[in-house]
Amino acid sequence: MRSIGILYTAVQVVIVFGLNFLIVLKFRYLAHITSKVMQQLNYESVGKKYSHRLQGTDIVILNKPETEMITNKLEDLESFNHHLEEIIQDFNRALGLSVLIAVTSSLYTTMYYLYRLSTASDFSLTSNKRERLHYIIGLIGRSGKLLGYMLMGNQMLKNSQQPLEAIRKSRILNLPMVTQQQIQTLMLQWLDNKSYMSAGGIVNVGPWLLAPIVGNVITYLLVALQFNEVKHHH
């Protein structure tokens, strides 16, 4: 029964990690093609400015086909981003609840293992090395699982902001006014583009959970050890 539980946990972690990794790769690809589009627009703008200067003017006026081409490129970027948002929603809908259960169970099991190891002498664990080793391995596994989910959540959030950063790093002020307005509209749409690995929509999983988790573990241990000491005296 224990081996089945370990196998289920391992499969769950692999599935979550695999899907999270694919989503991260898609965000990186979106950031890459966004950067390429911005570079291409800048190169075309510089070329047109140089051509217009030869004609005695610095004003760059885009014709209708050029405007439509730029609009299509930016719409493709937004469409790709929207597709990613839908993937993340499906990911959280399918796995969010199981992630929440995994994080919660890992937290309470970690606290229990720490308590058992802290009161090893009372439970005669010092004489049972095998049982003591079981708790140590379990503690490492559960805490590692917690940290793993947090790192995955952080990677998803961090990479979801890369496409917007790619636009911010580009020189949009060198572009024609019409193009600048289109890019600014895209930036506004992506401004709140923060994708979280959400556990059932109740809590967003990431390293920001570390502080409250550590606080809960310490509080639990202090109360449990104090209760155990009082019980031992009686």
Foldseek 3Di string as FASTA:
>chain_A
DVVVVVVVVVVLLVVLVVLLVVLLVLLVVLLVVLLVLLVVLLVVLVVQQVVVVVVPDRDDDDDDVVLVVLLVSLVVSVVSLVVSVVSLVVQCVVCQQVVVVLLVVLLVLLLVLVLCLVCVVVVVCVVVVVVNVVSVVSNCVSVVSLQSQQVSQVSQQVSQCSNLVSLVPGDCVSGHPSSSVSVVVSSVVSVPRGRFNHRNVPDGRHCVCVVVSVVVSVVSNVVSVVVVVVVVVD
